[in-house]
Amino acid sequence: MSKSDESAAKAERPKKARSRPIKGEDAEVRHVIEKHDLSPAQARELVRRYGNDWRKIDEAAKSYKDH
């Protein structure tokens, strides 16, 4: 397979979504802090627990606000 064939094959492959972010990944934690007005510790816990499942993170963040 030539170099151009390899790069074309790579471009056609869909990128796999990460099942879980790297623990404490700053971008996700900052997003949760800003969107839900949570403390950094609460946001970090949600990202660790639910990875990038934003639906579950949103539900759990609402429960923090209810308490």
Protein backbone atom coordinates (compact mmCIF):
# COMPACT_ATOMS: atom_id res chain seq x y z
CA MET A 1 0.00 0.00 0.00
CA SER A 2 1.43 3.36 -0.98
CA LYS A 3 1.68 6.37 1.34
CA SER A 4 -1.28 8.09 -0.34
CA ASP A 5 -3.38 4.92 -0.08
CA GLU A 6 -2.61 4.65 3.64
CA SER A 7 -3.54 8.25 4.35
CA ALA A 8 -6.76 7.91 2.33
CA ALA A 9 -7.68 4.78 4.29
CA LYS A 10 -7.05 6.58 7.58
CA ALA A 11 -9.18 9.54 6.48
CA GLU A 12 -12.10 7.22 5.67
CA ARG A 13 -12.08 5.48 9.07
CA PRO A 14 -14.42 7.10 11.54
CA LYS A 15 -12.74 8.27 14.72
CA LYS A 16 -13.71 6.24 17.75
CA ALA A 17 -15.27 8.22 20.55
CA ARG A 18 -13.42 7.81 23.80
CA SER A 19 -15.45 5.78 26.21
CA ARG A 20 -13.97 7.68 29.16
CA PRO A 21 -11.87 10.82 29.37
CA ILE A 22 -8.52 10.83 31.06
CA LYS A 23 -9.18 11.28 34.77
CA GLY A 24 -9.32 14.94 35.68
CA GLU A 25 -9.34 16.05 32.07
CA ASP A 26 -9.45 19.82 32.34
CA ALA A 27 -11.67 20.66 29.34
CA GLU A 28 -14.52 18.43 30.48
CA VAL A 29 -14.23 19.54 34.09
CA ARG A 30 -14.26 23.24 33.10
CA HIS A 31 -17.31 22.65 30.89
CA VAL A 32 -19.23 21.05 33.77
CA ILE A 33 -18.21 23.85 36.15
CA GLU A 34 -19.37 26.55 33.74
CA LYS A 35 -22.56 24.85 32.60
CA HIS A 36 -23.82 23.69 36.00
CA ASP A 37 -22.15 26.14 38.39
CA LEU A 38 -20.58 23.34 40.43
CA SER A 39 -17.38 23.33 42.42
CA PRO A 40 -14.27 21.96 40.70
CA ALA A 41 -14.33 18.93 43.05
CA GLN A 42 -17.96 18.14 42.17
CA ALA A 43 -17.31 18.55 38.45
CA ARG A 44 -14.19 16.36 38.60
CA GLU A 45 -16.15 13.66 40.41
CA LEU A 46 -18.86 13.64 37.74
CA VAL A 47 -16.33 13.47 34.90
CA ARG A 48 -14.53 10.58 36.61
CA ARG A 49 -17.77 8.76 37.32
CA TYR A 50 -19.56 9.21 33.99
CA GLY A 51 -16.76 9.89 31.52
CA ASN A 52 -18.14 11.78 28.56
CA ASP A 53 -21.75 10.65 28.97
CA TRP A 54 -23.11 14.19 29.09
CA ARG A 55 -26.71 13.09 29.65
CA LYS A 56 -25.74 11.33 32.89
CA ILE A 57 -23.50 14.22 33.93
CA ASP A 58 -26.38 16.68 33.39
CA GLU A 59 -28.77 14.53 35.45
CA ALA A 60 -26.28 14.12 38.29
CA ALA A 61 -25.41 17.83 38.29
CA LYS A 62 -29.10 18.69 38.69
CA SER A 63 -29.27 16.44 41.74
CA TYR A 64 -26.34 18.36 43.31
CA LYS A 65 -28.29 21.61 42.87
CA ASP A 66 -31.44 20.11 44.39
CA HIS A 67 -29.66 19.37 47.69
